[in-house]
Amino acid sequence: GCVTCLDYDEHYILTFPNGYGRSILTVPWIELGGECSINCSKTGYNASIVFHTKPFYGGKKHRITAEIFSPNDKKPFCSIEGEWNGVMYTKYNTGENTVFIDTKKMPTIKKKVRKLEDQDDFESR
């Protein structure tokens, strides 16, 4: 995928995790799993992200870990871990630990979509 941040004139190329349908015979749920990356060609910053699947016995759902790299560096300057649909924490090389994001406290933003009558034949909501 491609994301452009117009305010910063930055363009990001990113990959997505796999999606798995779990417990389809009982209470179904979707799980994300696999490795992803985010790269900005303008700044050179990049991130390596792992969506961890839940182990068969024990473990937690929706876990994520990530490492963020400065341009031309082989060692990350910070790492992120937590739950992609909950709270994620940042650990910097300086030893500082902070909350990266708490998705439960984020406001819901209504989607902006064109009216059905204004969409072309092959568009969808």
PDB file of N, CA and C in Angstrom:
ATOM      1  N   GLY A   1       0.814  -1.178   0.000  1.00  0.00           N
ATOM      2  CA  GLY A   1       0.000   0.000   0.000  1.00  0.00           C
ATOM      3  C   GLY A   1       0.865   1.250   0.000  1.00  0.00           C
ATOM      4  N   CYS A   2       0.271   2.352  -0.355  1.00  0.00           N
ATOM      5  CA  CYS A   2       0.954   3.650  -0.381  1.00  0.00           C
ATOM      6  C   CYS A   2       0.157   4.640   0.468  1.00  0.00           C
ATOM      7  N   VAL A   3       0.863   5.370   1.314  1.00  0.00           N
ATOM      8  CA  VAL A   3       0.245   6.409   2.135  1.00  0.00           C
ATOM      9  C   VAL A   3       1.063   7.675   1.953  1.00  0.00           C
ATOM     10  N   THR A   4       0.391   8.791   1.648  1.00  0.00           N
ATOM     11  CA  THR A   4       1.064  10.076   1.508  1.00  0.00           C
ATOM     12  C   THR A   4       0.590  11.011   2.605  1.00  0.00           C
ATOM     13  N   CYS A   5       1.536  11.571   3.353  1.00  0.00           N
ATOM     14  CA  CYS A   5       1.223  12.576   4.377  1.00  0.00           C
ATOM     15  C   CYS A   5       1.474  13.936   3.739  1.00  0.00           C
ATOM     16  N   LEU A   6       0.400  14.576   3.319  1.00  0.00           N
ATOM     17  CA  LEU A   6       0.517  15.830   2.576  1.00  0.00           C
ATOM     18  C   LEU A   6       1.150  16.938   3.409  1.00  0.00           C
ATOM     19  N   ASP A   7       0.851  16.985   4.708  1.00  0.00           N
ATOM     20  CA  ASP A   7       1.390  18.045   5.560  1.00  0.00           C
ATOM     21  C   ASP A   7       2.912  17.986   5.666  1.00  0.00           C
ATOM     22  N   TYR A   8       3.492  16.794   5.478  1.00  0.00           N
ATOM     23  CA  TYR A   8       4.936  16.616   5.633  1.00  0.00           C
ATOM     24  C   TYR A   8       5.623  16.264   4.316  1.00  0.00           C
ATOM     25  N   ASP A   9       4.850  16.153   3.231  1.00  0.00           N
ATOM     26  CA  ASP A   9       5.379  15.775   1.927  1.00  0.00           C
ATOM     27  C   ASP A   9       6.156  14.461   2.025  1.00  0.00           C
ATOM     28  N   GLU A  10       5.582  13.484   2.742  1.00  0.00           N
ATOM     29  CA  GLU A  10       6.205  12.177   2.900  1.00  0.00           C
ATOM     30  C   GLU A  10       5.335  11.112   2.247  1.00  0.00           C
ATOM     31  N   HIS A  11       5.993  10.131   1.655  1.00  0.00           N
ATOM     32  CA  HIS A  11       5.311   9.050   0.944  1.00  0.00           C
ATOM     33  C   HIS A  11       5.803   7.725   1.524  1.00  0.00           C
ATOM     34  N   TYR A  12       4.887   6.897   2.010  1.00  0.00           N
ATOM     35  CA  TYR A  12       5.236   5.632   2.650  1.00  0.00           C
ATOM     36  C   TYR A  12       4.750   4.452   1.816  1.00  0.00           C
ATOM     37  N   ILE A  13       5.591   3.442   1.704  1.00  0.00           N
ATOM     38  CA  ILE A  13       5.213   2.176   1.099  1.00  0.00           C
ATOM     39  C   ILE A  13       5.127   1.165   2.239  1.00  0.00           C
ATOM     40  N   LEU A  14       4.019   0.427   2.310  1.00  0.00           N
ATOM     41  CA  LEU A  14       3.841  -0.502   3.399  1.00  0.00           C
ATOM     42  C   LEU A  14       3.253  -1.812   2.918  1.00  0.00           C
ATOM     43  N   THR A  15       3.549  -2.866   3.652  1.00  0.00           N
ATOM     44  CA  THR A  15       2.962  -4.168   3.391  1.00  0.00           C
ATOM     45  C   THR A  15       1.987  -4.485   4.518  1.00  0.00           C
ATOM     46  N   PHE A  16       1.149  -5.486   4.300  1.00  0.00           N
ATOM     47  CA  PHE A  16       0.092  -5.800   5.250  1.00  0.00           C
ATOM     48  C   PHE A  16       0.260  -7.218   5.800  1.00  0.00           C
ATOM     49  N   PRO A  17      -0.263  -7.473   7.000  1.00  0.00           N
ATOM     50  CA  PRO A  17      -0.201  -8.833   7.556  1.00  0.00           C
ATOM     51  C   PRO A  17      -1.244  -9.732   6.889  1.00  0.00           C
ATOM     52  N   ASN A  18      -1.102 -11.025   7.131  1.00  0.00           N
ATOM     53  CA  ASN A  18      -2.109 -11.981   6.681  1.00  0.00           C
ATOM     54  C   ASN A  18      -3.289 -11.934   7.641  1.00  0.00           C
ATOM     55  N   GLY A  19      -4.465 -12.275   7.151  1.00  0.00           N
ATOM     56  CA  GLY A  19      -5.654 -12.376   7.985  1.00  0.00           C
ATOM     57  C   GLY A  19      -6.098 -13.825   8.056  1.00  0.00           C
ATOM     58  N   TYR A  20      -6.413 -14.301   9.243  1.00  0.00           N
ATOM     59  CA  TYR A  20      -6.819 -15.691   9.439  1.00  0.00           C
ATOM     60  C   TYR A  20      -8.191 -15.733  10.101  1.00  0.00           C
ATOM     61  N   GLY A  21      -9.083 -16.573   9.582  1.00  0.00           N
ATOM     62  CA  GLY A  21     -10.374 -16.815  10.215  1.00  0.00           C
ATOM     63  C   GLY A  21     -10.213 -17.930  11.229  1.00  0.00           C
ATOM     64  N   ARG A  22     -10.433 -17.661  12.492  1.00  0.00           N
ATOM     65  CA  ARG A  22     -10.243 -18.651  13.565  1.00  0.00           C
ATOM     66  C   ARG A  22     -11.583 -19.067  14.155  1.00  0.00           C
ATOM     67  N   SER A  23     -11.615 -20.267  14.679  1.00  0.00           N
ATOM     68  CA  SER A  23     -12.788 -20.831  15.381  1.00  0.00           C
ATOM     69  C   SER A  23     -14.056 -20.717  14.550  1.00  0.00           C
ATOM     70  N   ILE A  24     -13.971 -21.076  13.278  1.00  0.00           N
ATOM     71  CA  ILE A  24     -15.127 -20.874  12.393  1.00  0.00           C
ATOM     72  C   ILE A  24     -16.302 -21.790  12.734  1.00  0.00           C
ATOM     73  N   LEU A  25     -16.065 -22.856  13.508  1.00  0.00           N
ATOM     74  CA  LEU A  25     -17.161 -23.742  13.896  1.00  0.00           C
ATOM     75  C   LEU A  25     -17.778 -23.364  15.233  1.00  0.00           C
ATOM     76  N   THR A  26     -17.140 -22.480  15.983  1.00  0.00           N
ATOM     77  CA  THR A  26     -17.690 -22.032  17.272  1.00  0.00           C
ATOM     78  C   THR A  26     -17.921 -20.531  17.199  1.00  0.00           C
ATOM     79  N   VAL A  27     -17.187 -19.743  17.985  1.00  0.00           N
ATOM     80  CA  VAL A  27     -17.306 -18.286  17.946  1.00  0.00           C
ATOM     81  C   VAL A  27     -16.176 -17.753  17.065  1.00  0.00           C
ATOM     82  N   PRO A  28     -16.472 -17.374  15.825  1.00  0.00           N
ATOM     83  CA  PRO A  28     -15.409 -16.962  14.900  1.00  0.00           C
ATOM     84  C   PRO A  28     -14.785 -15.616  15.271  1.00  0.00           C
ATOM     85  N   TRP A  29     -13.500 -15.502  14.955  1.00  0.00           N
ATOM     86  CA  TRP A  29     -12.776 -14.246  15.148  1.00  0.00           C
ATOM     87  C   TRP A  29     -11.668 -14.181  14.119  1.00  0.00           C
ATOM     88  N   ILE A  30     -11.223 -12.972  13.828  1.00  0.00           N
ATOM     89  CA  ILE A  30     -10.177 -12.732  12.840  1.00  0.00           C
ATOM     90  C   ILE A  30      -8.861 -12.475  13.558  1.00  0.00           C
ATOM     91  N   GLU A  31      -7.798 -13.084  13.049  1.00  0.00           N
ATOM     92  CA  GLU A  31      -6.473 -12.882  13.613  1.00  0.00           C
ATOM     93  C   GLU A  31      -5.540 -12.382  12.519  1.00  0.00           C
ATOM     94  N   LEU A  32      -4.692 -11.416  12.867  1.00  0.00           N
ATOM     95  CA  LEU A  32      -3.664 -10.942  11.949  1.00  0.00           C
ATOM     96  C   LEU A  32      -2.350 -11.611  12.315  1.00  0.00           C
ATOM     97  N   GLY A  33      -1.567 -11.973  11.305  1.00  0.00           N
ATOM     98  CA  GLY A  33      -0.288 -12.614  11.572  1.00  0.00           C
ATOM     99  C   GLY A  33       0.687 -12.403  10.438  1.00  0.00           C
ATOM    100  N   GLY A  34       1.963 -12.315  10.773  1.00  0.00           N
ATOM    101  CA  GLY A  34       3.001 -12.186   9.757  1.00  0.00           C
ATOM    102  C   GLY A  34       3.814 -10.923   9.925  1.00  0.00           C
ATOM    103  N   GLU A  35       4.784 -10.774   9.012  1.00  0.00           N
ATOM    104  CA  GLU A  35       5.693  -9.630   9.056  1.00  0.00           C
ATOM    105  C   GLU A  35       5.271  -8.575   8.034  1.00  0.00           C
ATOM    106  N   CYS A  36       5.456  -7.322   8.417  1.00  0.00           N
ATOM    107  CA  CYS A  36       5.135  -6.179   7.566  1.00  0.00           C
ATOM    108  C   CYS A  36       6.292  -5.193   7.621  1.00  0.00           C
ATOM    109  N   SER A  37       6.280  -4.256   6.699  1.00  0.00           N
ATOM    110  CA  SER A  37       7.290  -3.196   6.718  1.00  0.00           C
ATOM    111  C   SER A  37       6.666  -1.880   6.302  1.00  0.00           C
ATOM    112  N   ILE A  38       7.263  -0.793   6.787  1.00  0.00           N
ATOM    113  CA  ILE A  38       6.876   0.559   6.386  1.00  0.00           C
ATOM    114  C   ILE A  38       8.160   1.289   6.037  1.00  0.00           C
ATOM    115  N   ASN A  39       8.216   1.886   4.849  1.00  0.00           N
ATOM    116  CA  ASN A  39       9.423   2.579   4.387  1.00  0.00           C
ATOM    117  C   ASN A  39       9.064   3.955   3.838  1.00  0.00           C
ATOM    118  N   CYS A  40       9.861   4.957   4.218  1.00  0.00           N
ATOM    119  CA  CYS A  40       9.703   6.304   3.678  1.00  0.00           C
ATOM    120  C   CYS A  40      10.956   6.629   2.869  1.00  0.00           C
ATOM    121  N   SER A  41      10.798   6.777   1.563  1.00  0.00           N
ATOM    122  CA  SER A  41      11.958   7.035   0.703  1.00  0.00           C
ATOM    123  C   SER A  41      12.528   8.437   0.924  1.00  0.00           C
ATOM    124  N   LYS A  42      11.684   9.382   1.339  1.00  0.00           N
ATOM    125  CA  LYS A  42      12.169  10.753   1.546  1.00  0.00           C
ATOM    126  C   LYS A  42      13.087  10.856   2.762  1.00  0.00           C
ATOM    127  N   THR A  43      12.655  10.283   3.893  1.00  0.00           N
ATOM    128  CA  THR A  43      13.419  10.419   5.136  1.00  0.00           C
ATOM    129  C   THR A  43      14.398   9.265   5.361  1.00  0.00           C
ATOM    130  N   GLY A  44      14.103   8.107   4.771  1.00  0.00           N
ATOM    131  CA  GLY A  44      14.936   6.935   4.986  1.00  0.00           C
ATOM    132  C   GLY A  44      14.560   6.145   6.225  1.00  0.00           C
ATOM    133  N   TYR A  45      13.598   6.623   6.999  1.00  0.00           N
ATOM    134  CA  TYR A  45      13.149   5.881   8.172  1.00  0.00           C
ATOM    135  C   TYR A  45      12.353   4.661   7.708  1.00  0.00           C
ATOM    136  N   ASN A  46      12.445   3.579   8.479  1.00  0.00           N
ATOM    137  CA  ASN A  46      11.678   2.392   8.148  1.00  0.00           C
ATOM    138  C   ASN A  46      11.369   1.610   9.416  1.00  0.00           C
ATOM    139  N   ALA A  47      10.359   0.776   9.310  1.00  0.00           N
ATOM    140  CA  ALA A  47       9.925  -0.024  10.456  1.00  0.00           C
ATOM    141  C   ALA A  47       9.683  -1.457  10.014  1.00  0.00           C
ATOM    142  N   SER A  48      10.008  -2.378  10.894  1.00  0.00           N
ATOM    143  CA  SER A  48       9.743  -3.796  10.706  1.00  0.00           C
ATOM    144  C   SER A  48       8.740  -4.209  11.769  1.00  0.00           C
ATOM    145  N   ILE A  49       7.605  -4.761  11.356  1.00  0.00           N
ATOM    146  CA  ILE A  49       6.498  -5.034  12.267  1.00  0.00           C
ATOM    147  C   ILE A  49       6.140  -6.512  12.193  1.00  0.00           C
ATOM    148  N   VAL A  50       5.893  -7.124  13.342  1.00  0.00           N
ATOM    149  CA  VAL A  50       5.472  -8.523  13.392  1.00  0.00           C
ATOM    150  C   VAL A  50       4.143  -8.600  14.126  1.00  0.00           C
ATOM    151  N   PHE A  51       3.141  -9.167  13.456  1.00  0.00           N
ATOM    152  CA  PHE A  51       1.855  -9.473  14.076  1.00  0.00           C
ATOM    153  C   PHE A  51       1.947 -10.940  14.513  1.00  0.00           C
ATOM    154  N   HIS A  52       1.879 -11.173  15.832  1.00  0.00           N
ATOM    155  CA  HIS A  52       2.056 -12.512  16.382  1.00  0.00           C
ATOM    156  C   HIS A  52       0.714 -13.225  16.462  1.00  0.00           C
ATOM    157  N   THR A  53       0.666 -14.456  15.963  1.00  0.00           N
ATOM    158  CA  THR A  53      -0.559 -15.246  16.092  1.00  0.00           C
ATOM    159  C   THR A  53      -0.602 -15.884  17.478  1.00  0.00           C
ATOM    160  N   LYS A  54      -1.809 -16.139  17.942  1.00  0.00           N
ATOM    161  CA  LYS A  54      -1.992 -16.711  19.271  1.00  0.00           C
ATOM    162  C   LYS A  54      -1.551 -18.175  19.246  1.00  0.00           C
ATOM    163  N   PRO A  55      -0.736 -18.573  20.229  1.00  0.00           N
ATOM    164  CA  PRO A  55      -0.360 -19.988  20.313  1.00  0.00           C
ATOM    165  C   PRO A  55      -1.589 -20.865  20.568  1.00  0.00           C
ATOM    166  N   PHE A  56      -1.498 -22.149  20.215  1.00  0.00           N
ATOM    167  CA  PHE A  56      -2.631 -23.059  20.388  1.00  0.00           C
ATOM    168  C   PHE A  56      -3.050 -23.143  21.851  1.00  0.00           C
ATOM    169  N   TYR A  57      -2.076 -23.222  22.756  1.00  0.00           N
ATOM    170  CA  TYR A  57      -2.376 -23.244  24.196  1.00  0.00           C
ATOM    171  C   TYR A  57      -1.809 -21.985  24.839  1.00  0.00           C
ATOM    172  N   GLY A  58      -2.637 -21.294  25.602  1.00  0.00           N
ATOM    173  CA  GLY A  58      -2.184 -20.097  26.316  1.00  0.00           C
ATOM    174  C   GLY A  58      -1.908 -18.946  25.361  1.00  0.00           C
ATOM    175  N   GLY A  59      -1.160 -17.977  25.850  1.00  0.00           N
ATOM    176  CA  GLY A  59      -0.812 -16.822  25.028  1.00  0.00           C
ATOM    177  C   GLY A  59      -1.941 -15.821  24.907  1.00  0.00           C
ATOM    178  N   LYS A  60      -1.630 -14.703  24.277  1.00  0.00           N
ATOM    179  CA  LYS A  60      -2.595 -13.619  24.099  1.00  0.00           C
ATOM    180  C   LYS A  60      -2.901 -13.406  22.626  1.00  0.00           C
ATOM    181  N   LYS A  61      -4.074 -12.877  22.369  1.00  0.00           N
ATOM    182  CA  LYS A  61      -4.467 -12.506  21.007  1.00  0.00           C
ATOM    183  C   LYS A  61      -3.943 -11.104  20.677  1.00  0.00           C
ATOM    184  N   HIS A  62      -3.822 -10.822  19.391  1.00  0.00           N
ATOM    185  CA  HIS A  62      -3.590  -9.473  18.843  1.00  0.00           C
ATOM    186  C   HIS A  62      -2.261  -8.839  19.257  1.00  0.00           C
ATOM    187  N   ARG A  63      -1.235  -9.639  19.532  1.00  0.00           N
ATOM    188  CA  ARG A  63       0.070  -9.096  19.930  1.00  0.00           C
ATOM    189  C   ARG A  63       0.829  -8.569  18.720  1.00  0.00           C
ATOM    190  N   ILE A  64       1.603  -7.523  18.970  1.00  0.00           N
ATOM    191  CA  ILE A  64       2.402  -6.903  17.922  1.00  0.00           C
ATOM    192  C   ILE A  64       3.739  -6.453  18.509  1.00  0.00           C
ATOM    193  N   THR A  65       4.795  -6.600  17.713  1.00  0.00           N
ATOM    194  CA  THR A  65       6.091  -6.021  18.065  1.00  0.00           C
ATOM    195  C   THR A  65       6.623  -5.310  16.836  1.00  0.00           C
ATOM    196  N   ALA A  66       7.394  -4.264  17.049  1.00  0.00           N
ATOM    197  CA  ALA A  66       7.935  -3.497  15.928  1.00  0.00           C
ATOM    198  C   ALA A  66       9.284  -2.907  16.319  1.00  0.00           C
ATOM    199  N   GLU A  67      10.108  -2.698  15.312  1.00  0.00           N
ATOM    200  CA  GLU A  67      11.384  -2.009  15.489  1.00  0.00           C
ATOM    201  C   GLU A  67      11.435  -0.882  14.465  1.00  0.00           C
ATOM    202  N   ILE A  68      11.884   0.299  14.919  1.00  0.00           N
ATOM    203  CA  ILE A  68      11.949   1.466  14.031  1.00  0.00           C
ATOM    204  C   ILE A  68      13.408   1.861  13.856  1.00  0.00           C
ATOM    205  N   PHE A  69      13.793   2.056  12.602  1.00  0.00           N
ATOM    206  CA  PHE A  69      15.183   2.310  12.252  1.00  0.00           C
ATOM    207  C   PHE A  69      15.361   3.698  11.652  1.00  0.00           C
ATOM    208  N   SER A  70      16.443   4.365  12.048  1.00  0.00           N
ATOM    209  CA  SER A  70      16.851   5.621  11.421  1.00  0.00           C
ATOM    210  C   SER A  70      17.486   5.294  10.070  1.00  0.00           C
ATOM    211  N   PRO A  71      17.604   6.302   9.196  1.00  0.00           N
ATOM    212  CA  PRO A  71      18.235   6.056   7.904  1.00  0.00           C
ATOM    213  C   PRO A  71      19.640   5.479   8.065  1.00  0.00           C
ATOM    214  N   ASN A  72      19.937   4.445   7.301  1.00  0.00           N
ATOM    215  CA  ASN A  72      21.257   3.801   7.235  1.00  0.00           C
ATOM    216  C   ASN A  72      21.689   3.119   8.528  1.00  0.00           C
ATOM    217  N   ASP A  73      20.796   2.948   9.509  1.00  0.00           N
ATOM    218  CA  ASP A  73      21.158   2.270  10.757  1.00  0.00           C
ATOM    219  C   ASP A  73      20.697   0.817  10.710  1.00  0.00           C
ATOM    220  N   LYS A  74      21.508  -0.062  11.274  1.00  0.00           N
ATOM    221  CA  LYS A  74      21.171  -1.493  11.355  1.00  0.00           C
ATOM    222  C   LYS A  74      20.517  -1.832  12.683  1.00  0.00           C
ATOM    223  N   LYS A  75      20.692  -0.945  13.673  1.00  0.00           N
ATOM    224  CA  LYS A  75      20.137  -1.163  15.001  1.00  0.00           C
ATOM    225  C   LYS A  75      18.947  -0.215  15.198  1.00  0.00           C
ATOM    226  N   PRO A  76      17.798  -0.721  15.678  1.00  0.00           N
ATOM    227  CA  PRO A  76      16.634   0.155  15.871  1.00  0.00           C
ATOM    228  C   PRO A  76      16.863   1.170  16.990  1.00  0.00           C
ATOM    229  N   PHE A  77      16.271   2.363  16.822  1.00  0.00           N
ATOM    230  CA  PHE A  77      16.380   3.362  17.893  1.00  0.00           C
ATOM    231  C   PHE A  77      15.235   3.238  18.890  1.00  0.00           C
ATOM    232  N   CYS A  78      14.192   2.493  18.520  1.00  0.00           N
ATOM    233  CA  CYS A  78      13.129   2.202  19.478  1.00  0.00           C
ATOM    234  C   CYS A  78      12.380   0.955  19.038  1.00  0.00           C
ATOM    235  N   SER A  79      11.676   0.359  19.997  1.00  0.00           N
ATOM    236  CA  SER A  79      10.835  -0.795  19.704  1.00  0.00           C
ATOM    237  C   SER A  79       9.449  -0.541  20.292  1.00  0.00           C
ATOM    238  N   ILE A  80       8.477  -1.214  19.708  1.00  0.00           N
ATOM    239  CA  ILE A  80       7.085  -1.065  20.142  1.00  0.00           C
ATOM    240  C   ILE A  80       6.530  -2.453  20.374  1.00  0.00           C
ATOM    241  N   GLU A  81       5.749  -2.606  21.440  1.00  0.00           N
ATOM    242  CA  GLU A  81       5.082  -3.879  21.676  1.00  0.00           C
ATOM    243  C   GLU A  81       3.767  -3.639  22.391  1.00  0.00           C
ATOM    244  N   GLY A  82       2.867  -4.600  22.236  1.00  0.00           N
ATOM    245  CA  GLY A  82       1.555  -4.503  22.864  1.00  0.00           C
ATOM    246  C   GLY A  82       0.520  -5.208  22.022  1.00  0.00           C
ATOM    247  N   GLU A  83      -0.674  -4.692  22.032  1.00  0.00           N
ATOM    248  CA  GLU A  83      -1.775  -5.246  21.257  1.00  0.00           C
ATOM    249  C   GLU A  83      -2.208  -4.226  20.225  1.00  0.00           C
ATOM    250  N   TRP A  84      -2.349  -4.677  18.959  1.00  0.00           N
ATOM    251  CA  TRP A  84      -2.667  -3.726  17.885  1.00  0.00           C
ATOM    252  C   TRP A  84      -4.064  -3.128  18.043  1.00  0.00           C
ATOM    253  N   ASN A  85      -4.921  -3.761  18.801  1.00  0.00           N
ATOM    254  CA  ASN A  85      -6.256  -3.203  19.029  1.00  0.00           C
ATOM    255  C   ASN A  85      -6.443  -2.750  20.475  1.00  0.00           C
ATOM    256  N   GLY A  86      -5.321  -2.482  21.148  1.00  0.00           N
ATOM    257  CA  GLY A  86      -5.362  -2.052  22.546  1.00  0.00           C
ATOM    258  C   GLY A  86      -4.277  -1.024  22.814  1.00  0.00           C
ATOM    259  N   VAL A  87      -3.428  -1.309  23.787  1.00  0.00           N
ATOM    260  CA  VAL A  87      -2.364  -0.379  24.170  1.00  0.00           C
ATOM    261  C   VAL A  87      -1.028  -0.896  23.634  1.00  0.00           C
ATOM    262  N   MET A  88      -0.246  -0.003  23.030  1.00  0.00           N
ATOM    263  CA  MET A  88       1.103  -0.315  22.575  1.00  0.00           C
ATOM    264  C   MET A  88       2.073   0.595  23.311  1.00  0.00           C
ATOM    265  N   TYR A  89       3.232   0.046  23.676  1.00  0.00           N
ATOM    266  CA  TYR A  89       4.238   0.764  24.448  1.00  0.00           C
ATOM    267  C   TYR A  89       5.515   0.913  23.639  1.00  0.00           C
ATOM    268  N   THR A  90       6.184   2.058  23.796  1.00  0.00           N
ATOM    269  CA  THR A  90       7.448   2.333  23.130  1.00  0.00           C
ATOM    270  C   THR A  90       8.586   2.198  24.116  1.00  0.00           C
ATOM    271  N   LYS A  91       9.664   1.546  23.678  1.00  0.00           N
ATOM    272  CA  LYS A  91      10.899   1.457  24.470  1.00  0.00           C
ATOM    273  C   LYS A  91      12.014   2.053  23.614  1.00  0.00           C
ATOM    274  N   TYR A  92      12.586   3.157  24.092  1.00  0.00           N
ATOM    275  CA  TYR A  92      13.683   3.818  23.374  1.00  0.00           C
ATOM    276  C   TYR A  92      15.028   3.275  23.835  1.00  0.00           C
ATOM    277  N   ASN A  93      16.042   3.440  22.998  1.00  0.00           N
ATOM    278  CA  ASN A  93      17.402   3.017  23.368  1.00  0.00           C
ATOM    279  C   ASN A  93      17.920   3.758  24.583  1.00  0.00           C
ATOM    280  N   THR A  94      17.370   4.925  24.859  1.00  0.00           N
ATOM    281  CA  THR A  94      17.799   5.718  26.013  1.00  0.00           C
ATOM    282  C   THR A  94      17.294   5.130  27.330  1.00  0.00           C
ATOM    283  N   GLY A  95      16.402   4.134  27.240  1.00  0.00           N
ATOM    284  CA  GLY A  95      15.823   3.539  28.439  1.00  0.00           C
ATOM    285  C   GLY A  95      14.437   4.081  28.753  1.00  0.00           C
ATOM    286  N   GLU A  96      14.022   5.119  28.048  1.00  0.00           N
ATOM    287  CA  GLU A  96      12.705   5.717  28.279  1.00  0.00           C
ATOM    288  C   GLU A  96      11.614   4.786  27.745  1.00  0.00           C
ATOM    289  N   ASN A  97      10.562   4.606  28.528  1.00  0.00           N
ATOM    290  CA  ASN A  97       9.396   3.812  28.139  1.00  0.00           C
ATOM    291  C   ASN A  97       8.162   4.709  28.194  1.00  0.00           C
ATOM    292  N   THR A  98       7.356   4.687  27.130  1.00  0.00           N
ATOM    293  CA  THR A  98       6.151   5.502  27.087  1.00  0.00           C
ATOM    294  C   THR A  98       5.020   4.720  26.425  1.00  0.00           C
ATOM    295  N   VAL A  99       3.799   5.217  26.606  1.00  0.00           N
ATOM    296  CA  VAL A  99       2.666   4.669  25.862  1.00  0.00           C
ATOM    297  C   VAL A  99       2.753   5.220  24.441  1.00  0.00           C
ATOM    298  N   PHE A 100       2.793   4.333  23.471  1.00  0.00           N
ATOM    299  CA  PHE A 100       2.833   4.740  22.068  1.00  0.00           C
ATOM    300  C   PHE A 100       1.441   5.167  21.614  1.00  0.00           C
ATOM    301  N   ILE A 101       0.472   4.295  21.857  1.00  0.00           N
ATOM    302  CA  ILE A 101      -0.915   4.617  21.517  1.00  0.00           C
ATOM    303  C   ILE A 101      -1.846   3.711  22.319  1.00  0.00           C
ATOM    304  N   ASP A 102      -2.997   4.256  22.685  1.00  0.00           N
ATOM    305  CA  ASP A 102      -4.050   3.486  23.326  1.00  0.00           C
ATOM    306  C   ASP A 102      -5.266   3.570  22.421  1.00  0.00           C
ATOM    307  N   THR A 103      -5.489   2.528  21.635  1.00  0.00           N
ATOM    308  CA  THR A 103      -6.561   2.572  20.633  1.00  0.00           C
ATOM    309  C   THR A 103      -7.946   2.639  21.263  1.00  0.00           C
ATOM    310  N   LYS A 104      -8.065   2.205  22.516  1.00  0.00           N
ATOM    311  CA  LYS A 104      -9.371   2.256  23.196  1.00  0.00           C
ATOM    312  C   LYS A 104      -9.783   3.697  23.525  1.00  0.00           C
ATOM    313  N   LYS A 105      -8.797   4.605  23.617  1.00  0.00           N
ATOM    314  CA  LYS A 105      -9.096   6.003  23.945  1.00  0.00           C
ATOM    315  C   LYS A 105      -9.207   6.883  22.700  1.00  0.00           C
ATOM    316  N   MET A 106      -8.955   6.311  21.529  1.00  0.00           N
ATOM    317  CA  MET A 106      -9.021   7.104  20.297  1.00  0.00           C
ATOM    318  C   MET A 106     -10.481   7.355  19.911  1.00  0.00           C
ATOM    319  N   PRO A 107     -10.791   8.543  19.420  1.00  0.00           N
ATOM    320  CA  PRO A 107     -12.164   8.796  18.985  1.00  0.00           C
ATOM    321  C   PRO A 107     -12.464   8.057  17.684  1.00  0.00           C
ATOM    322  N   THR A 108     -13.708   7.668  17.526  1.00  0.00           N
ATOM    323  CA  THR A 108     -14.144   7.043  16.288  1.00  0.00           C
ATOM    324  C   THR A 108     -14.408   8.138  15.264  1.00  0.00           C
ATOM    325  N   ILE A 109     -13.858   7.965  14.084  1.00  0.00           N
ATOM    326  CA  ILE A 109     -14.044   8.952  13.016  1.00  0.00           C
ATOM    327  C   ILE A 109     -14.948   8.347  11.952  1.00  0.00           C
ATOM    328  N   LYS A 110     -15.998   9.053  11.630  1.00  0.00           N
ATOM    329  CA  LYS A 110     -16.951   8.562  10.643  1.00  0.00           C
ATOM    330  C   LYS A 110     -16.295   8.527   9.265  1.00  0.00           C
ATOM    331  N   LYS A 111     -16.557   7.445   8.525  1.00  0.00           N
ATOM    332  CA  LYS A 111     -16.015   7.299   7.181  1.00  0.00           C
ATOM    333  C   LYS A 111     -16.586   8.365   6.260  1.00  0.00           C
ATOM    334  N   LYS A 112     -15.757   8.791   5.314  1.00  0.00           N
ATOM    335  CA  LYS A 112     -16.220   9.711   4.284  1.00  0.00           C
ATOM    336  C   LYS A 112     -16.296   8.930   2.980  1.00  0.00           C
ATOM    337  N   VAL A 113     -17.514   8.664   2.536  1.00  0.00           N
ATOM    338  CA  VAL A 113     -17.707   7.937   1.286  1.00  0.00           C
ATOM    339  C   VAL A 113     -18.708   8.677   0.415  1.00  0.00           C
ATOM    340  N   ARG A 114     -18.549   8.475  -0.878  1.00  0.00           N
ATOM    341  CA  ARG A 114     -19.502   9.102  -1.792  1.00  0.00           C
ATOM    342  C   ARG A 114     -20.839   8.365  -1.719  1.00  0.00           C
ATOM    343  N   LYS A 115     -21.915   9.091  -2.009  1.00  0.00           N
ATOM    344  CA  LYS A 115     -23.237   8.487  -2.034  1.00  0.00           C
ATOM    345  C   LYS A 115     -23.270   7.416  -3.114  1.00  0.00           C
ATOM    346  N   LEU A 116     -24.093   6.396  -2.890  1.00  0.00           N
ATOM    347  CA  LEU A 116     -24.175   5.288  -3.846  1.00  0.00           C
ATOM    348  C   LEU A 116     -24.491   5.762  -5.260  1.00  0.00           C
ATOM    349  N   GLU A 117     -25.369   6.723  -5.373  1.00  0.00           N
ATOM    350  CA  GLU A 117     -25.753   7.206  -6.717  1.00  0.00           C
ATOM    351  C   GLU A 117     -24.621   7.970  -7.397  1.00  0.00           C
ATOM    352  N   ASP A 118     -23.624   8.428  -6.653  1.00  0.00           N
ATOM    353  CA  ASP A 118     -22.490   9.146  -7.226  1.00  0.00           C
ATOM    354  C   ASP A 118     -21.308   8.222  -7.549  1.00  0.00           C
ATOM    355  N   GLN A 119     -21.419   6.943  -7.192  1.00  0.00           N
ATOM    356  CA  GLN A 119     -20.323   6.016  -7.432  1.00  0.00           C
ATOM    357  C   GLN A 119     -20.429   5.385  -8.826  1.00  0.00           C
ATOM    358  N   ASP A 120     -19.277   5.027  -9.367  1.00  0.00           N
ATOM    359  CA  ASP A 120     -19.233   4.340 -10.666  1.00  0.00           C
ATOM    360  C   ASP A 120     -19.660   2.890 -10.489  1.00  0.00           C
ATOM    361  N   ASP A 121     -19.854   2.184 -11.609  1.00  0.00           N
ATOM    362  CA  ASP A 121     -20.346   0.810 -11.579  1.00  0.00           C
ATOM    363  C   ASP A 121     -19.463  -0.142 -10.790  1.00  0.00           C
ATOM    364  N   PHE A 122     -18.146   0.033 -10.833  1.00  0.00           N
ATOM    365  CA  PHE A 122     -17.233  -0.902 -10.190  1.00  0.00           C
ATOM    366  C   PHE A 122     -16.689  -0.383  -8.860  1.00  0.00           C
ATOM    367  N   GLU A 123     -17.303   0.629  -8.277  1.00  0.00           N
ATOM    368  CA  GLU A 123     -16.920   1.132  -6.964  1.00  0.00           C
ATOM    369  C   GLU A 123     -17.800   0.480  -5.894  1.00  0.00           C
ATOM    370  N   SER A 124     -17.276   0.437  -4.671  1.00  0.00           N
ATOM    371  CA  SER A 124     -18.064  -0.113  -3.565  1.00  0.00           C
ATOM    372  C   SER A 124     -17.817   0.731  -2.324  1.00  0.00           C
ATOM    373  N   ARG A 125     -18.655   0.563  -1.350  1.00  0.00           N
ATOM    374  CA  ARG A 125     -18.497   1.272  -0.090  1.00  0.00           C
ATOM    375  C   ARG A 125     -17.563   0.481   0.808  1.00  0.00           C
TER     376      ARG A 125
END
